[in-house]
Each structure stands twice: as C-alpha cells, then as structure tokens.
C-alpha cells in the first residue's frame, strides 16, 4: 500500500501472545455461583476475578474489532520494542497508527502518535514533580519521533503548540463522533432490576478521580432534593485515585454532611452493558468534570450516541461536543447544574428513535474514519 493507493491491508498489532480461553478454576466457579445467587435475589453481580477479567476483556475487544473490520488481521507479539520493528518489516507496513509511546527502536515506516491530553499542565497540583516531568518527557519524545500526531480535541492540539512548541509534526484533531453499538439499543430490563433503583434518577459515569468534581453533582442534588424527594443520583465508576487514596472517603463524608442519604448511590465499577442500560433510562447524564482530553469524556460520547440528555460543564474542550442534546453549566456551579436538573425533570422524554440513532452513529463513524485516514495519508505523502 502506497499513499496514492487504496488501503489494501490492515493489521492490528497486539502485544503479548494470542489470548486463550480462560481455564476452569474453582475461583472462577465460585465467582460464577455468587453471581447467579446475586441475580436471583436481585442484587448487582460481582466482577469476575481480575486475571480472568483482563483476559476476557482483551479477547472481547479484539473480537469486536474483527467483527466490525472485515479483512482485519491480528499480529500478536508486537509491543513497543524489537517486536514492533520486526512486525513492521515482516508485514511491509507503510504506517503504524496510534502509538502512545515512542517505539524503541523505531520502525522504518510512518509513525502516527497519540497524545491524550495535557492534564498535568492544567492541573499540576494533582501530580508529583516526578510525574510532571515524566509526562512531558514521554509526550515530547513521541511527538519528536512521529510523522503525525492525533488527539481527541482541537484544544489538545492548541495545548501541544503552547506547551511543546515548534517544530511539530502534522496535528490532526479527531471530530466528536459518538458511536452506538446496536445491541445497546435493545431493552435489557433485567440489568436494571438487579440494582433495585426506583423512581427517576440522574447518573454520573466517572471514575472517582479528583478532577471529575463529583462534589458539584452532590451539591446540586442536595439543592433539589427537598423539592424532588423521589429523585436519586446514581454514580458508577472505580472509587480509587492513586493521587489521593483517601479522596473517595472525603466525598462520602461530604455527601453525609449534605444529608443525601439514600438519594445517593455508589455502584462502583460495574459491567459495561449494565452501565449503558442505567444511562439509557436516567433523566440525564451529569458530567461536572474539571478536565477532559476529549469532549465530555467517554460517558458523554455514549449518552449522545444513545440519544440521552447530557448536563455538561462548560470547559472549552467540552464545547467541542457539537451534536446531541448537550446542555452546559459553568464549571463548579452547583446552582446552575441544579437548575438544569430541574428543567430536565420537567420534560417528558421523547421515545428513542433507533433508526435515527443508528443512522447518526454510522455518519459519525464514517466522519471519524475519514479523519483518521486523512492523518495517515497526510503523513505517508510527506514521508
């Protein structure tokens, strides 16, 4: 394949050996039995053992990519070292796309890197000095060795020009392109009933990291709770932040002071399909984040793809969410968020038009693919 020719071969380069089906173990059997019992008594399922979950998640991801990309070939054992260089040589690749770190040694083909964000520059108080320097070192080396760089927002490209400076390779900001898995649109009432949620609810789908600003959502919930006692706030996502191991405990203490009680529920890290079903039937997604590398973070992409309302902090990067029912409020302003929540409660939701959502999703996917292909073609034509 050359720059002027159509794409003839596409490979997925995966580190490590090809994953095998997880072997039967008594540990896995025990988890399966507990999950079955949880389902019978209507409580959320347990996560699988960490090792098995990692194997299954990797195999599922590759399976889904293969299902959506006809003709895709997977090359295992191609990490960021000699294996990648050897794979690029053996397969006669013209380009390696989406490297997050500099391959050593670098393959003799076009290299397209990916820099997620500059959070450490905007929120340096959340990082130790060593990590601040390391992040600059890693991203700087990747930029210097890449023929093009992709990122999830124009704001990230602006940050790169500001913090890294020239010379820079071609910068390609990907569009906001929400995509829905068709299976997500299928009703799965059993997934909802397992959590025992009654009445209308808002949902926050974020890890409990300091920059996600859950406290603003808690305060907004406290503001409306006396007028809407039937409404609750559901939070999904892992509860640990390595930068402050006690952060989640502090949030719990603040929630207690606000008197939220049973109006606030922490579900932790739940299966993805469960989270999607909860998101679908919420009043709206609440996204109070103080920093993102892409518009609204992953949960905003999912909500817009599902035709769900989003109540989103007005960061410049979030303003790049240019489609869907997205309503903005000033960062950290819990009173403004409370007004949006009450407005959403007063509305009667429109029926979900699956055909329209699928058509929008296909158009988004096409636009996203064209942007990626444009970055590849631009880099290979220069090389």
Protein backbone atom coordinates (compact mmCIF):
# COMPACT_ATOMS: atom_id res chain seq x y z
CA UNK A 1 0.00 0.00 0.00
CA UNK A 2 1.30 3.42 -1.00
CA UNK A 3 -0.09 6.84 -0.20
CA UNK A 4 -1.83 7.22 -3.56
CA UNK A 5 -3.35 3.72 -3.47
CA UNK A 6 -6.44 2.50 -1.63
CA UNK A 7 -5.94 0.63 1.62
CA UNK A 8 -5.13 -2.99 0.81
CA UNK A 9 -4.13 -4.47 4.17
CA UNK A 10 -4.96 -3.59 7.74
CA UNK A 11 -3.32 -5.19 10.75
CA UNK A 12 -4.00 -4.94 14.45
CA UNK A 13 -0.66 -5.12 16.26
CA UNK A 14 -1.23 -6.55 19.72
CA UNK A 15 1.37 -7.07 22.47
CA UNK A 16 1.78 -10.48 24.07
CA UNK A 17 0.67 -13.90 22.96
CA UNK A 18 -2.73 -14.70 21.49
CA UNK A 19 -5.13 -14.99 24.44
CA UNK A 20 -6.51 -18.43 25.14
CA UNK A 21 -9.88 -19.15 26.63
CA UNK A 22 -9.65 -18.88 30.42
CA UNK A 23 -9.18 -22.27 32.03
CA UNK A 24 -11.66 -23.60 34.54
CA UNK A 25 -10.64 -22.86 38.12
CA UNK A 26 -12.50 -23.20 41.41
CA UNK A 27 -12.05 -19.45 41.86
CA UNK A 28 -13.91 -18.72 38.62
CA UNK A 29 -16.55 -21.31 39.54
CA UNK A 30 -17.04 -19.63 42.93
CA UNK A 31 -17.49 -16.21 41.31
CA UNK A 32 -19.99 -17.67 38.82
CA UNK A 33 -22.07 -19.23 41.63
CA UNK A 34 -22.06 -15.97 43.61
CA UNK A 35 -23.12 -14.03 40.52
CA UNK A 36 -26.01 -16.43 39.95
CA UNK A 37 -27.16 -16.05 43.56
CA UNK A 38 -26.88 -12.27 43.34
CA UNK A 39 -29.11 -12.31 40.25
CA UNK A 40 -31.70 -14.48 41.98
CA UNK A 41 -32.03 -12.12 44.96
CA UNK A 42 -31.91 -9.01 42.78
CA UNK A 43 -28.52 -7.59 43.70
CA UNK A 44 -25.77 -6.38 41.33
CA UNK A 45 -23.41 -9.00 40.02
CA UNK A 46 -19.86 -9.34 41.21
CA UNK A 47 -16.92 -8.60 38.99
CA UNK A 48 -15.02 -11.64 37.82
CA UNK A 49 -11.55 -12.37 39.18
CA UNK A 50 -9.09 -9.67 37.95
CA UNK A 51 -6.91 -12.06 35.93
CA UNK A 52 -9.84 -13.67 34.13
CA UNK A 53 -11.49 -10.28 33.56
CA UNK A 54 -8.35 -8.97 31.85
CA UNK A 55 -8.14 -11.99 29.56
CA UNK A 56 -11.83 -11.85 28.69
CA UNK A 57 -11.81 -8.08 28.12
CA UNK A 58 -8.85 -8.30 25.75
CA UNK A 59 -10.33 -11.21 23.81
CA UNK A 60 -13.73 -9.47 23.61
CA UNK A 61 -12.17 -6.22 22.37
CA UNK A 62 -10.26 -7.96 19.61
CA UNK A 63 -13.35 -9.98 18.69
CA UNK A 64 -15.45 -6.82 18.41
CA UNK A 65 -12.84 -5.07 16.29
CA UNK A 66 -12.67 -8.07 13.96
CA UNK A 67 -16.46 -8.15 13.66
CA UNK A 68 -16.54 -4.51 12.56
CA UNK A 69 -13.47 -4.51 10.33
CA UNK A 70 -13.72 -7.11 7.55
CA UNK A 71 -10.35 -8.46 6.49
CA UNK A 72 -8.55 -7.31 9.63
CA UNK A 73 -5.56 -9.46 10.55
CA UNK A 74 -4.18 -9.58 14.09
CA UNK A 75 -0.45 -9.80 14.67
CA UNK A 76 0.37 -10.76 18.26
CA UNK A 77 3.69 -10.18 19.97
CA UNK A 78 4.14 -6.64 18.64
CA UNK A 79 4.86 -4.35 21.59
CA UNK A 80 6.87 -1.13 21.69
CA UNK A 81 10.26 -2.77 21.14
CA UNK A 82 12.07 -5.00 18.64
CA UNK A 83 8.85 -6.98 18.14
CA UNK A 84 7.10 -3.95 16.64
CA UNK A 85 10.02 -3.13 14.37
CA UNK A 86 10.14 -6.76 13.23
CA UNK A 87 6.37 -6.85 12.62
CA UNK A 88 6.52 -3.64 10.59
CA UNK A 89 9.35 -5.11 8.48
CA UNK A 90 7.75 -8.55 8.04
CA UNK A 91 4.37 -7.11 7.09
CA UNK A 92 5.90 -4.36 4.93
CA UNK A 93 3.82 -1.72 6.70
CA UNK A 94 3.62 1.82 5.36
CA UNK A 95 2.39 3.22 8.67
CA UNK A 96 1.87 2.33 12.32
CA UNK A 97 -1.09 4.24 13.75
CA UNK A 98 -1.83 5.27 17.32
CA UNK A 99 1.40 4.81 19.22
CA UNK A 100 1.11 6.23 22.74
CA UNK A 101 4.81 5.91 23.48
CA UNK A 102 7.91 6.06 21.34
CA UNK A 103 8.77 2.60 19.98
CA UNK A 104 12.39 1.65 20.68
CA UNK A 105 13.81 1.01 18.17
CA UNK A 106 11.56 2.99 15.88
CA UNK A 107 10.10 1.03 12.91
CA UNK A 108 11.22 2.14 9.44
CA UNK A 109 7.78 3.36 8.38
CA UNK A 110 5.46 6.26 9.07
CA UNK A 111 4.63 6.55 12.77
CA UNK A 112 1.45 8.27 13.89
CA UNK A 113 1.35 9.04 17.60
CA UNK A 114 -1.46 9.78 20.00
CA UNK A 115 -1.28 12.27 22.87
CA UNK A 116 -4.41 12.13 25.07
CA UNK A 117 -4.15 15.45 26.91
CA UNK A 118 -2.08 17.90 28.97
CA UNK A 119 -3.89 17.48 32.27
CA UNK A 120 -0.62 17.68 34.18
CA UNK A 121 -0.02 21.17 32.78
CA UNK A 122 -3.50 22.46 33.57
CA UNK A 123 -3.84 20.79 36.98
CA UNK A 124 -0.22 20.46 38.19
CA UNK A 125 -1.31 20.34 41.85
CA UNK A 126 -2.69 16.84 41.23
CA UNK A 127 0.74 15.43 40.32
CA UNK A 128 4.08 14.95 41.98
CA UNK A 129 7.07 16.71 40.41
CA UNK A 130 8.50 13.41 39.15
CA UNK A 131 5.30 12.52 37.29
CA UNK A 132 5.00 16.02 35.84
CA UNK A 133 8.47 15.69 34.32
CA UNK A 134 7.84 12.12 33.15
CA UNK A 135 4.65 13.06 31.30
CA UNK A 136 6.44 15.86 29.48
CA UNK A 137 9.30 13.52 28.64
CA UNK A 138 7.07 10.76 27.26
CA UNK A 139 4.84 13.02 25.16
CA UNK A 140 7.78 15.11 23.97
CA UNK A 141 9.75 12.08 22.78
CA UNK A 142 6.69 10.70 20.97
CA UNK A 143 6.00 14.00 19.23
CA UNK A 144 9.63 14.31 18.12
CA UNK A 145 9.67 10.79 16.65
CA UNK A 146 6.23 10.85 14.97
CA UNK A 147 5.32 11.88 11.46
CA UNK A 148 1.86 12.96 12.60
CA UNK A 149 0.00 13.24 15.90
CA UNK A 150 -3.69 12.64 16.52
CA UNK A 151 -5.71 13.83 19.50
CA UNK A 152 -9.36 13.85 20.56
CA UNK A 153 -9.93 17.61 20.54
CA UNK A 154 -8.73 20.83 18.99
CA UNK A 155 -7.98 22.08 22.49
CA UNK A 156 -5.31 19.38 22.88
CA UNK A 157 -3.67 20.49 19.63
CA UNK A 158 -3.63 24.08 20.93
CA UNK A 159 -2.06 22.86 24.19
CA UNK A 160 0.61 21.00 22.24
CA UNK A 161 1.57 24.14 20.36
CA UNK A 162 1.64 26.06 23.63
CA UNK A 163 3.48 23.59 25.87
CA UNK A 164 5.70 21.72 23.38
CA UNK A 165 6.29 24.35 20.74
CA UNK A 166 7.77 24.03 17.27
CA UNK A 167 8.88 22.03 15.44
CA UNK A 168 5.79 19.85 15.42
CA UNK A 169 4.60 17.15 13.02
CA UNK A 170 1.17 17.42 11.42
CA UNK A 171 -1.52 17.72 14.11
CA UNK A 172 -4.89 16.09 13.49
CA UNK A 173 -7.75 16.70 15.94
CA UNK A 174 -10.39 13.99 15.60
CA UNK A 175 -14.06 15.06 15.46
CA UNK A 176 -16.64 14.47 18.19
CA UNK A 177 -18.16 11.32 16.74
CA UNK A 178 -20.43 9.36 19.12
CA UNK A 179 -20.98 5.77 18.03
CA UNK A 180 -23.60 3.37 19.36
CA UNK A 181 -23.34 -0.39 19.47
CA UNK A 182 -26.63 -1.64 18.02
CA UNK A 183 -27.01 -4.10 20.90
CA UNK A 184 -27.06 -1.19 23.36
CA UNK A 185 -30.43 -0.13 21.94
CA UNK A 186 -32.05 -3.44 22.82
CA UNK A 187 -34.04 -3.24 26.09
CA UNK A 188 -32.47 -5.26 28.89
CA UNK A 189 -34.85 -4.74 31.85
CA UNK A 190 -33.14 -7.46 33.85
CA UNK A 191 -29.99 -5.39 34.04
CA UNK A 192 -31.91 -2.51 35.61
CA UNK A 193 -33.94 -4.57 38.06
CA UNK A 194 -30.76 -6.10 39.50
CA UNK A 195 -29.83 -2.74 41.01
CA UNK A 196 -33.19 -2.11 42.68
CA UNK A 197 -33.39 1.53 41.58
CA UNK A 198 -36.84 3.08 41.97
CA UNK A 199 -38.02 6.47 40.82
CA UNK A 200 -36.33 8.92 38.46
CA UNK A 201 -32.57 9.26 38.71
CA UNK A 202 -29.62 11.16 37.31
CA UNK A 203 -26.38 9.33 36.64
CA UNK A 204 -22.67 10.17 36.81
CA UNK A 205 -20.45 7.68 34.96
CA UNK A 206 -16.93 8.65 36.02
CA UNK A 207 -14.07 7.16 37.94
CA UNK A 208 -13.80 8.87 41.33
CA UNK A 209 -10.78 10.95 40.37
CA UNK A 210 -10.26 14.39 41.84
CA UNK A 211 -10.67 16.27 38.56
CA UNK A 212 -14.08 14.70 37.89
CA UNK A 213 -15.64 17.03 40.50
CA UNK A 214 -18.34 14.73 41.88
CA UNK A 215 -18.87 17.20 44.72
CA UNK A 216 -20.58 19.70 42.41
CA UNK A 217 -23.08 16.98 41.42
CA UNK A 218 -23.65 16.11 45.10
CA UNK A 219 -24.32 19.75 45.97
CA UNK A 220 -26.71 20.14 43.04
CA UNK A 221 -28.55 17.02 44.17
CA UNK A 222 -28.83 18.40 47.70
CA UNK A 223 -30.20 21.64 46.26
CA UNK A 224 -33.12 19.93 44.51
CA UNK A 225 -33.75 17.04 46.90
CA UNK A 226 -36.32 18.80 49.12
CA UNK A 227 -38.42 19.72 46.08
CA UNK A 228 -37.93 16.34 44.41
CA UNK A 229 -37.66 13.73 47.19
CA UNK A 230 -38.31 10.89 44.74
CA UNK A 231 -35.18 11.64 42.67
CA UNK A 232 -31.81 9.97 43.24
CA UNK A 233 -28.26 10.31 41.94
CA UNK A 234 -26.51 7.14 40.79
CA UNK A 235 -22.72 7.04 40.48
CA UNK A 236 -20.78 4.35 38.64
CA UNK A 237 -17.01 4.01 38.42
CA UNK A 238 -13.99 2.90 40.39
CA UNK A 239 -13.51 4.58 43.75
CA UNK A 240 -9.70 4.86 43.94
CA UNK A 241 -7.44 7.72 42.89
CA UNK A 242 -3.72 6.96 43.29
CA UNK A 243 -3.01 10.66 43.77
CA UNK A 244 -5.11 10.74 46.94
CA UNK A 245 -6.11 7.30 48.29
CA UNK A 246 -8.43 8.96 50.80
CA UNK A 247 -10.32 11.03 48.24
CA UNK A 248 -13.40 8.80 47.99
CA UNK A 249 -13.73 8.76 51.77
CA UNK A 250 -13.72 12.57 51.76
CA UNK A 251 -16.51 12.58 49.17
CA UNK A 252 -18.56 10.18 51.28
CA UNK A 253 -18.12 12.46 54.28
CA UNK A 254 -19.27 15.49 52.25
CA UNK A 255 -22.30 13.55 51.00
CA UNK A 256 -23.21 12.76 54.61
CA UNK A 257 -22.93 16.44 55.58
CA UNK A 258 -25.23 17.31 52.67
CA UNK A 259 -27.81 14.86 54.02
CA UNK A 260 -28.11 12.92 50.78
CA UNK A 261 -28.50 9.52 52.44
CA UNK A 262 -30.31 7.02 50.20
CA UNK A 263 -30.72 9.66 47.47
CA UNK A 264 -27.10 8.96 46.53
CA UNK A 265 -25.89 5.51 45.49
CA UNK A 266 -22.37 4.37 44.66
CA UNK A 267 -22.36 1.28 42.42
CA UNK A 268 -18.60 1.10 41.87
CA UNK A 269 -17.15 -0.43 38.72
CA UNK A 270 -19.99 -2.39 37.10
CA UNK A 271 -20.20 -4.34 33.81
CA UNK A 272 -20.24 -2.03 30.79
CA UNK A 273 -23.57 -3.25 29.48
CA UNK A 274 -25.16 -2.64 32.90
CA UNK A 275 -23.81 0.92 32.92
CA UNK A 276 -25.21 1.53 29.42
CA UNK A 277 -28.67 0.35 30.46
CA UNK A 278 -28.63 2.59 33.53
CA UNK A 279 -27.52 5.52 31.36
CA UNK A 280 -30.32 4.91 28.85
CA UNK A 281 -33.11 5.18 31.42
CA UNK A 282 -31.73 8.02 33.54
CA UNK A 283 -33.22 11.51 33.42
CA UNK A 284 -29.85 12.73 32.14
CA UNK A 285 -26.13 12.16 32.36
CA UNK A 286 -24.46 14.61 34.74
CA UNK A 287 -20.87 15.38 33.79
CA UNK A 288 -19.31 18.03 36.10
CA UNK A 289 -15.69 17.31 35.11
CA UNK A 290 -12.95 19.92 35.52
CA UNK A 291 -10.72 18.46 32.84
CA UNK A 292 -11.00 16.16 29.79
CA UNK A 293 -8.86 15.26 26.81
CA UNK A 294 -11.93 14.81 24.60
CA UNK A 295 -15.37 16.45 24.65
CA UNK A 296 -17.16 15.39 27.83
CA UNK A 297 -15.18 12.19 28.34
CA UNK A 298 -16.34 8.73 27.32
CA UNK A 299 -19.71 8.89 29.06
CA UNK A 300 -20.76 11.95 27.02
CA UNK A 301 -19.96 10.12 23.78
CA UNK A 302 -22.11 7.21 24.96
CA UNK A 303 -25.01 9.37 26.14
CA UNK A 304 -25.18 11.36 22.89
CA UNK A 305 -24.99 8.16 20.85
CA UNK A 306 -27.93 6.80 22.85
CA UNK A 307 -29.99 9.97 22.38
CA UNK A 308 -29.70 10.81 26.08
CA UNK A 309 -29.55 14.30 27.60
CA UNK A 310 -26.19 15.50 28.92
CA UNK A 311 -25.66 18.18 31.57
CA UNK A 312 -22.05 19.14 30.94
CA UNK A 313 -19.53 21.56 32.45
CA UNK A 314 -18.56 24.30 30.02
CA UNK A 315 -14.87 23.58 29.59
CA UNK A 316 -13.53 24.69 26.19
CA UNK A 317 -12.88 21.05 25.30
CA UNK A 318 -16.45 20.11 26.23
CA UNK A 319 -17.78 22.82 23.93
CA UNK A 320 -16.45 20.67 21.07
CA UNK A 321 -19.40 18.32 21.70
CA UNK A 322 -21.25 19.74 18.72
CA UNK A 323 -24.21 17.38 18.40
CA UNK A 324 -26.86 15.77 20.57
CA UNK A 325 -28.87 17.20 23.48
CA UNK A 326 -25.99 18.71 25.44
CA UNK A 327 -26.69 21.45 27.99
CA UNK A 328 -23.84 23.40 29.55
CA UNK A 329 -23.33 24.90 33.00
CA UNK A 330 -20.34 26.84 34.43
CA UNK A 331 -17.67 24.60 35.96
CA UNK A 332 -18.22 24.11 39.68
CA UNK A 333 -21.54 25.98 39.71
CA UNK A 334 -23.86 23.59 41.52
CA UNK A 335 -26.79 26.04 41.46
CA UNK A 336 -26.64 26.28 37.66
CA UNK A 337 -26.43 22.49 37.46
CA UNK A 338 -29.43 22.16 39.81
CA UNK A 339 -31.47 24.40 37.51
CA UNK A 340 -30.61 22.21 34.53
CA UNK A 341 -31.54 19.09 36.51
CA UNK A 342 -34.95 20.53 37.45
CA UNK A 343 -35.55 21.58 33.86
CA UNK A 344 -34.79 18.05 32.67
CA UNK A 345 -37.14 16.59 35.30
CA UNK A 346 -39.98 18.77 34.00
CA UNK A 347 -39.65 17.44 30.46
CA UNK A 348 -41.35 14.37 29.04
CA UNK A 349 -38.61 12.36 27.27
CA UNK A 350 -39.18 11.62 23.60
CA UNK A 351 -39.23 7.98 22.51
CA UNK A 352 -35.84 6.75 21.38
CA UNK A 353 -35.76 6.58 17.55
CA UNK A 354 -33.44 3.64 16.96
CA UNK A 355 -33.27 4.06 13.19
CA UNK A 356 -32.28 7.71 13.57
CA UNK A 357 -29.67 6.92 16.22
CA UNK A 358 -28.13 4.18 14.08
CA UNK A 359 -28.02 6.48 11.05
CA UNK A 360 -26.35 9.22 13.12
CA UNK A 361 -23.92 6.68 14.50
CA UNK A 362 -22.98 5.43 11.04
CA UNK A 363 -22.40 9.01 9.88
CA UNK A 364 -20.24 9.69 12.95
CA UNK A 365 -18.20 6.56 12.39
CA UNK A 366 -17.65 7.49 8.75
CA UNK A 367 -16.55 11.01 9.72
CA UNK A 368 -14.19 9.63 12.34
CA UNK A 369 -12.69 7.12 9.93
CA UNK A 370 -12.18 9.80 7.29
CA UNK A 371 -10.31 11.93 9.82
CA UNK A 372 -8.03 9.04 10.78
CA UNK A 373 -7.41 8.13 7.16
CA UNK A 374 -6.67 11.78 6.40
CA UNK A 375 -3.98 11.79 9.08
CA UNK A 376 -2.42 8.60 7.70
CA UNK A 377 -2.48 9.80 4.08
CA UNK A 378 -1.04 13.19 5.05
CA UNK A 379 1.86 11.56 6.91
CA UNK A 380 2.65 8.98 4.23
CA UNK A 381 2.59 11.58 1.45
CA UNK A 382 5.19 13.68 3.30
CA UNK A 383 7.35 10.64 4.11
